[in-house]
């Protein structure tokens, strides 16, 4: 045998030609990635807002004193 056999990765390239469609342009790929990122960030924001509203029952932490010349005696 003059050609080496290379095992294919399972699941990585199992799409048929009809499922793949035409190759996507770089701009379309960027748009899809940005849309996915935006969806992830929106979900993260919703999760953070929900966890922040659940933690509103605790009193706020005390503020450190301000080092201001006008408040010294």
PDB file of N, CA and C in Angstrom:
ATOM      1  N   UNK A   1       0.826  -1.185   0.000  1.00  0.00           N
ATOM      2  CA  UNK A   1       0.000   0.000   0.000  1.00  0.00           C
ATOM      3  C   UNK A   1       0.865   1.241   0.000  1.00  0.00           C
ATOM      4  N   UNK A   2       0.609   2.127  -0.918  1.00  0.00           N
ATOM      5  CA  UNK A   2       1.377   3.360  -0.966  1.00  0.00           C
ATOM      6  C   UNK A   2       0.686   4.488  -0.219  1.00  0.00           C
ATOM      7  N   UNK A   3      -0.609   4.362   0.008  1.00  0.00           N
ATOM      8  CA  UNK A   3      -1.339   5.397   0.741  1.00  0.00           C
ATOM      9  C   UNK A   3      -1.616   4.913   2.157  1.00  0.00           C
ATOM     10  N   UNK A   4      -1.400   5.811   3.103  1.00  0.00           N
ATOM     11  CA  UNK A   4      -1.690   5.467   4.489  1.00  0.00           C
ATOM     12  C   UNK A   4      -3.167   5.690   4.760  1.00  0.00           C
ATOM     13  N   UNK A   5      -3.738   4.805   5.532  1.00  0.00           N
ATOM     14  CA  UNK A   5      -5.142   5.005   5.876  1.00  0.00           C
ATOM     15  C   UNK A   5      -5.226   5.872   7.136  1.00  0.00           C
ATOM     16  N   UNK A   6      -6.069   6.886   7.062  1.00  0.00           N
ATOM     17  CA  UNK A   6      -6.247   7.803   8.167  1.00  0.00           C
ATOM     18  C   UNK A   6      -7.642   7.584   8.726  1.00  0.00           C
ATOM     19  N   UNK A   7      -7.739   7.225  10.000  1.00  0.00           N
ATOM     20  CA  UNK A   7      -9.077   7.015  10.563  1.00  0.00           C
ATOM     21  C   UNK A   7      -9.838   8.339  10.649  1.00  0.00           C
ATOM     22  N   UNK A   8     -11.113   8.283  10.262  1.00  0.00           N
ATOM     23  CA  UNK A   8     -11.937   9.483  10.311  1.00  0.00           C
ATOM     24  C   UNK A   8     -12.463   9.679  11.720  1.00  0.00           C
ATOM     25  N   UNK A   9     -12.608  10.933  12.107  1.00  0.00           N
ATOM     26  CA  UNK A   9     -13.165  11.236  13.420  1.00  0.00           C
ATOM     27  C   UNK A   9     -14.663  10.984  13.374  1.00  0.00           C
ATOM     28  N   UNK A  10     -15.153  10.269  14.363  1.00  0.00           N
ATOM     29  CA  UNK A  10     -16.573   9.943  14.392  1.00  0.00           C
ATOM     30  C   UNK A  10     -17.387  11.178  14.756  1.00  0.00           C
ATOM     31  N   UNK A  11     -18.450  11.405  14.021  1.00  0.00           N
ATOM     32  CA  UNK A  11     -19.346  12.498  14.319  1.00  0.00           C
ATOM     33  C   UNK A  11     -18.916  13.842  13.768  1.00  0.00           C
ATOM     34  N   UNK A  12     -17.672  14.005  13.424  1.00  0.00           N
ATOM     35  CA  UNK A  12     -17.187  15.311  12.978  1.00  0.00           C
ATOM     36  C   UNK A  12     -17.589  15.605  11.538  1.00  0.00           C
ATOM     37  N   UNK A  13     -17.557  14.598  10.685  1.00  0.00           N
ATOM     38  CA  UNK A  13     -17.830  14.824   9.270  1.00  0.00           C
ATOM     39  C   UNK A  13     -18.881  13.852   8.751  1.00  0.00           C
ATOM     40  N   UNK A  14     -19.946  13.647   9.488  1.00  0.00           N
ATOM     41  CA  UNK A  14     -20.950  12.681   9.079  1.00  0.00           C
ATOM     42  C   UNK A  14     -22.114  13.311   8.328  1.00  0.00           C
ATOM     43  N   UNK A  15     -22.049  14.583   8.002  1.00  0.00           N
ATOM     44  CA  UNK A  15     -23.123  15.230   7.262  1.00  0.00           C
ATOM     45  C   UNK A  15     -23.046  14.828   5.802  1.00  0.00           C
ATOM     46  N   UNK A  16     -24.211  14.624   5.197  1.00  0.00           N
ATOM     47  CA  UNK A  16     -24.230  14.319   3.779  1.00  0.00           C
ATOM     48  C   UNK A  16     -24.114  15.616   2.994  1.00  0.00           C
ATOM     49  N   UNK A  17     -23.917  15.521   1.710  1.00  0.00           N
ATOM     50  CA  UNK A  17     -23.753  16.707   0.878  1.00  0.00           C
ATOM     51  C   UNK A  17     -25.004  17.580   0.905  1.00  0.00           C
ATOM     52  N   UNK A  18     -26.186  16.973   1.019  1.00  0.00           N
ATOM     53  CA  UNK A  18     -27.422  17.762   1.044  1.00  0.00           C
ATOM     54  C   UNK A  18     -27.584  18.510   2.365  1.00  0.00           C
ATOM     55  N   UNK A  19     -27.005  17.999   3.441  1.00  0.00           N
ATOM     56  CA  UNK A  19     -27.094  18.664   4.737  1.00  0.00           C
ATOM     57  C   UNK A  19     -26.084  19.805   4.848  1.00  0.00           C
ATOM     58  N   UNK A  20     -24.972  19.707   4.168  1.00  0.00           N
ATOM     59  CA  UNK A  20     -23.926  20.716   4.281  1.00  0.00           C
ATOM     60  C   UNK A  20     -24.299  21.995   3.552  1.00  0.00           C
ATOM     61  N   UNK A  21     -24.886  21.899   2.392  1.00  0.00           N
ATOM     62  CA  UNK A  21     -25.233  23.075   1.615  1.00  0.00           C
ATOM     63  C   UNK A  21     -23.983  23.717   1.028  1.00  0.00           C
ATOM     64  N   UNK A  22     -24.161  24.877   0.401  1.00  0.00           N
ATOM     65  CA  UNK A  22     -23.002  25.545  -0.187  1.00  0.00           C
ATOM     66  C   UNK A  22     -22.090  26.091   0.901  1.00  0.00           C
ATOM     67  N   UNK A  23     -20.821  26.258   0.593  1.00  0.00           N
ATOM     68  CA  UNK A  23     -19.907  26.799   1.607  1.00  0.00           C
ATOM     69  C   UNK A  23     -20.326  28.209   2.007  1.00  0.00           C
ATOM     70  N   UNK A  24     -20.191  28.499   3.289  1.00  0.00           N
ATOM     71  CA  UNK A  24     -20.584  29.801   3.812  1.00  0.00           C
ATOM     72  C   UNK A  24     -19.434  30.780   3.647  1.00  0.00           C
ATOM     73  N   UNK A  25     -19.801  32.019   3.403  1.00  0.00           N
ATOM     74  CA  UNK A  25     -18.795  33.059   3.335  1.00  0.00           C
ATOM     75  C   UNK A  25     -18.364  33.461   4.737  1.00  0.00           C
ATOM     76  N   UNK A  26     -17.252  34.131   4.816  1.00  0.00           N
ATOM     77  CA  UNK A  26     -16.709  34.550   6.093  1.00  0.00           C
ATOM     78  C   UNK A  26     -17.675  35.483   6.823  1.00  0.00           C
ATOM     79  N   UNK A  27     -18.303  36.390   6.106  1.00  0.00           N
ATOM     80  CA  UNK A  27     -19.235  37.327   6.728  1.00  0.00           C
ATOM     81  C   UNK A  27     -20.437  36.593   7.326  1.00  0.00           C
ATOM     82  N   UNK A  28     -20.945  35.601   6.617  1.00  0.00           N
ATOM     83  CA  UNK A  28     -22.083  34.833   7.137  1.00  0.00           C
ATOM     84  C   UNK A  28     -21.676  34.048   8.379  1.00  0.00           C
ATOM     85  N   UNK A  29     -20.486  33.472   8.358  1.00  0.00           N
ATOM     86  CA  UNK A  29     -20.002  32.746   9.530  1.00  0.00           C
ATOM     87  C   UNK A  29     -19.855  33.682  10.724  1.00  0.00           C
ATOM     88  N   UNK A  30     -19.329  34.880  10.481  1.00  0.00           N
ATOM     89  CA  UNK A  30     -19.172  35.866  11.554  1.00  0.00           C
ATOM     90  C   UNK A  30     -20.534  36.276  12.107  1.00  0.00           C
ATOM     91  N   UNK A  31     -21.514  36.490  11.231  1.00  0.00           N
ATOM     92  CA  UNK A  31     -22.857  36.854  11.675  1.00  0.00           C
ATOM     93  C   UNK A  31     -23.459  35.762  12.554  1.00  0.00           C
ATOM     94  N   UNK A  32     -23.279  34.511  12.158  1.00  0.00           N
ATOM     95  CA  UNK A  32     -23.825  33.402  12.936  1.00  0.00           C
ATOM     96  C   UNK A  32     -23.138  33.292  14.295  1.00  0.00           C
ATOM     97  N   UNK A  33     -21.834  33.476  14.305  1.00  0.00           N
ATOM     98  CA  UNK A  33     -21.101  33.422  15.568  1.00  0.00           C
ATOM     99  C   UNK A  33     -21.505  34.567  16.492  1.00  0.00           C
ATOM    100  N   UNK A  34     -21.684  35.764  15.935  1.00  0.00           N
ATOM    101  CA  UNK A  34     -22.098  36.913  16.739  1.00  0.00           C
ATOM    102  C   UNK A  34     -23.509  36.708  17.282  1.00  0.00           C
ATOM    103  N   UNK A  35     -24.389  36.126  16.493  1.00  0.00           N
ATOM    104  CA  UNK A  35     -25.750  35.855  16.959  1.00  0.00           C
ATOM    105  C   UNK A  35     -25.728  34.836  18.102  1.00  0.00           C
ATOM    106  N   UNK A  36     -24.900  33.819  17.975  1.00  0.00           N
ATOM    107  CA  UNK A  36     -24.789  32.822  19.039  1.00  0.00           C
ATOM    108  C   UNK A  36     -24.188  33.442  20.301  1.00  0.00           C
ATOM    109  N   UNK A  37     -23.182  34.291  20.139  1.00  0.00           N
ATOM    110  CA  UNK A  37     -22.571  34.969  21.279  1.00  0.00           C
ATOM    111  C   UNK A  37     -23.575  35.885  21.959  1.00  0.00           C
ATOM    112  N   UNK A  38     -24.345  36.621  21.166  1.00  0.00           N
ATOM    113  CA  UNK A  38     -25.359  37.513  21.712  1.00  0.00           C
ATOM    114  C   UNK A  38     -26.410  36.727  22.503  1.00  0.00           C
ATOM    115  N   UNK A  39     -26.824  35.583  21.986  1.00  0.00           N
ATOM    116  CA  UNK A  39     -27.796  34.750  22.693  1.00  0.00           C
ATOM    117  C   UNK A  39     -27.217  34.242  24.014  1.00  0.00           C
ATOM    118  N   UNK A  40     -25.946  33.836  23.993  1.00  0.00           N
ATOM    119  CA  UNK A  40     -25.305  33.368  25.220  1.00  0.00           C
ATOM    120  C   UNK A  40     -25.200  34.488  26.247  1.00  0.00           C
ATOM    121  N   UNK A  41     -24.824  35.685  25.808  1.00  0.00           N
ATOM    122  CA  UNK A  41     -24.705  36.820  26.724  1.00  0.00           C
ATOM    123  C   UNK A  41     -26.058  37.238  27.279  1.00  0.00           C
ATOM    124  N   UNK A  42     -27.087  37.167  26.460  1.00  0.00           N
ATOM    125  CA  UNK A  42     -28.433  37.496  26.924  1.00  0.00           C
ATOM    126  C   UNK A  42     -28.870  36.510  28.002  1.00  0.00           C
ATOM    127  N   UNK A  43     -28.583  35.232  27.791  1.00  0.00           N
ATOM    128  CA  UNK A  43     -28.934  34.219  28.783  1.00  0.00           C
ATOM    129  C   UNK A  43     -28.130  34.419  30.065  1.00  0.00           C
ATOM    130  N   UNK A  44     -26.857  34.734  29.945  1.00  0.00           N
ATOM    131  CA  UNK A  44     -26.015  34.980  31.109  1.00  0.00           C
ATOM    132  C   UNK A  44     -26.527  36.179  31.892  1.00  0.00           C
ATOM    133  N   UNK A  45     -26.903  37.244  31.191  1.00  0.00           N
ATOM    134  CA  UNK A  45     -27.439  38.434  31.841  1.00  0.00           C
ATOM    135  C   UNK A  45     -28.726  38.096  32.586  1.00  0.00           C
ATOM    136  N   UNK A  46     -29.600  37.315  31.977  1.00  0.00           N
ATOM    137  CA  UNK A  46     -30.844  36.920  32.635  1.00  0.00           C
ATOM    138  C   UNK A  46     -30.556  36.100  33.884  1.00  0.00           C
ATOM    139  N   UNK A  47     -29.590  35.196  33.795  1.00  0.00           N
ATOM    140  CA  UNK A  47     -29.227  34.383  34.955  1.00  0.00           C
ATOM    141  C   UNK A  47     -28.663  35.249  36.078  1.00  0.00           C
ATOM    142  N   UNK A  48     -27.808  36.216  35.721  1.00  0.00           N
ATOM    143  CA  UNK A  48     -27.223  37.098  36.732  1.00  0.00           C
ATOM    144  C   UNK A  48     -28.277  37.996  37.368  1.00  0.00           C
ATOM    145  N   UNK A  49     -29.206  38.506  36.561  1.00  0.00           N
ATOM    146  CA  UNK A  49     -30.268  39.342  37.099  1.00  0.00           C
ATOM    147  C   UNK A  49     -31.137  38.536  38.061  1.00  0.00           C
ATOM    148  N   UNK A  50     -31.414  37.302  37.714  1.00  0.00           N
ATOM    149  CA  UNK A  50     -32.239  36.443  38.566  1.00  0.00           C
ATOM    150  C   UNK A  50     -31.516  36.149  39.876  1.00  0.00           C
ATOM    151  N   UNK A  51     -30.224  35.846  39.819  1.00  0.00           N
ATOM    152  CA  UNK A  51     -29.492  35.545  41.044  1.00  0.00           C
ATOM    153  C   UNK A  51     -29.303  36.800  41.889  1.00  0.00           C
ATOM    154  N   UNK A  52     -29.178  37.965  41.258  1.00  0.00           N
ATOM    155  CA  UNK A  52     -29.037  39.210  42.005  1.00  0.00           C
ATOM    156  C   UNK A  52     -30.333  39.568  42.706  1.00  0.00           C
ATOM    157  N   UNK A  53     -31.460  39.352  42.056  1.00  0.00           N
ATOM    158  CA  UNK A  53     -32.742  39.671  42.680  1.00  0.00           C
ATOM    159  C   UNK A  53     -33.058  38.689  43.798  1.00  0.00           C
ATOM    160  N   UNK A  54     -32.557  37.481  43.728  1.00  0.00           N
ATOM    161  CA  UNK A  54     -32.765  36.505  44.794  1.00  0.00           C
ATOM    162  C   UNK A  54     -31.920  36.853  46.017  1.00  0.00           C
ATOM    163  N   UNK A  55     -30.808  37.542  45.813  1.00  0.00           N
ATOM    164  CA  UNK A  55     -29.920  37.909  46.912  1.00  0.00           C
ATOM    165  C   UNK A  55     -30.213  39.280  47.483  1.00  0.00           C
ATOM    166  N   UNK A  56     -31.300  39.944  47.077  1.00  0.00           N
ATOM    167  CA  UNK A  56     -31.614  41.285  47.555  1.00  0.00           C
ATOM    168  C   UNK A  56     -32.097  41.302  48.997  1.00  0.00           C
ATOM    169  N   UNK A  57     -32.358  40.168  49.602  1.00  0.00           N
ATOM    170  CA  UNK A  57     -32.873  40.143  50.962  1.00  0.00           C
ATOM    171  C   UNK A  57     -31.791  40.440  51.986  1.00  0.00           C
ATOM    172  N   UNK A  58     -30.536  40.278  51.640  1.00  0.00           N
ATOM    173  CA  UNK A  58     -29.440  40.551  52.568  1.00  0.00           C
ATOM    174  C   UNK A  58     -29.174  42.058  52.614  1.00  0.00           C
ATOM    175  N   UNK A  59     -28.809  42.571  53.790  1.00  0.00           N
ATOM    176  CA  UNK A  59     -28.503  44.004  53.866  1.00  0.00           C
ATOM    177  C   UNK A  59     -27.216  44.315  53.106  1.00  0.00           C
ATOM    178  N   UNK A  60     -27.090  45.527  52.592  1.00  0.00           N
ATOM    179  CA  UNK A  60     -25.865  45.862  51.856  1.00  0.00           C
ATOM    180  C   UNK A  60     -24.661  45.911  52.791  1.00  0.00           C
ATOM    181  N   UNK A  61     -23.516  45.651  52.247  1.00  0.00           N
ATOM    182  CA  UNK A  61     -22.280  45.690  53.027  1.00  0.00           C
ATOM    183  C   UNK A  61     -21.980  47.130  53.422  1.00  0.00           C
ATOM    184  N   UNK A  62     -21.392  47.340  54.611  1.00  0.00           N
ATOM    185  CA  UNK A  62     -21.074  48.709  55.014  1.00  0.00           C
ATOM    186  C   UNK A  62     -20.018  49.316  54.095  1.00  0.00           C
ATOM    187  N   UNK A  63     -20.153  50.608  53.852  1.00  0.00           N
ATOM    188  CA  UNK A  63     -19.205  51.299  52.983  1.00  0.00           C
ATOM    189  C   UNK A  63     -17.983  51.693  53.782  1.00  0.00           C
ATOM    190  N   UNK A  64     -16.809  51.618  53.196  1.00  0.00           N
ATOM    191  CA  UNK A  64     -15.608  52.050  53.917  1.00  0.00           C
ATOM    192  C   UNK A  64     -15.636  53.568  54.101  1.00  0.00           C
ATOM    193  N   UNK A  65     -14.991  54.056  55.147  1.00  0.00           N
ATOM    194  CA  UNK A  65     -14.988  55.509  55.361  1.00  0.00           C
ATOM    195  C   UNK A  65     -14.241  56.228  54.249  1.00  0.00           C
ATOM    196  N   UNK A  66     -14.710  57.414  53.951  1.00  0.00           N
ATOM    197  CA  UNK A  66     -14.092  58.216  52.909  1.00  0.00           C
ATOM    198  C   UNK A  66     -12.962  59.021  53.536  1.00  0.00           C
ATOM    199  N   UNK A  67     -11.801  58.981  52.938  1.00  0.00           N
ATOM    200  CA  UNK A  67     -10.654  59.732  53.452  1.00  0.00           C
ATOM    201  C   UNK A  67     -10.697  61.113  52.814  1.00  0.00           C
ATOM    202  N   UNK A  68     -11.400  62.017  53.486  1.00  0.00           N
ATOM    203  CA  UNK A  68     -11.588  63.368  52.958  1.00  0.00           C
ATOM    204  C   UNK A  68     -11.096  64.368  53.994  1.00  0.00           C
ATOM    205  N   UNK A  69     -10.368  65.362  53.562  1.00  0.00           N
ATOM    206  CA  UNK A  69      -9.816  66.369  54.464  1.00  0.00           C
ATOM    207  C   UNK A  69     -10.914  67.157  55.166  1.00  0.00           C
ATOM    208  N   UNK A  70     -12.050  67.388  54.542  1.00  0.00           N
ATOM    209  CA  UNK A  70     -13.105  68.208  55.136  1.00  0.00           C
ATOM    210  C   UNK A  70     -13.813  67.503  56.277  1.00  0.00           C
ATOM    211  N   UNK A  71     -13.696  66.164  56.386  1.00  0.00           N
ATOM    212  CA  UNK A  71     -14.373  65.449  57.464  1.00  0.00           C
ATOM    213  C   UNK A  71     -13.496  65.264  58.693  1.00  0.00           C
ATOM    214  N   UNK A  72     -12.232  65.633  58.633  1.00  0.00           N
ATOM    215  CA  UNK A  72     -11.339  65.494  59.788  1.00  0.00           C
ATOM    216  C   UNK A  72     -11.532  66.652  60.746  1.00  0.00           C
ATOM    217  N   UNK A  73     -11.395  66.385  62.044  1.00  0.00           N
ATOM    218  CA  UNK A  73     -11.552  67.425  63.069  1.00  0.00           C
ATOM    219  C   UNK A  73     -10.237  67.927  63.562  1.00  0.00           C
TER     220      UNK A  73
END
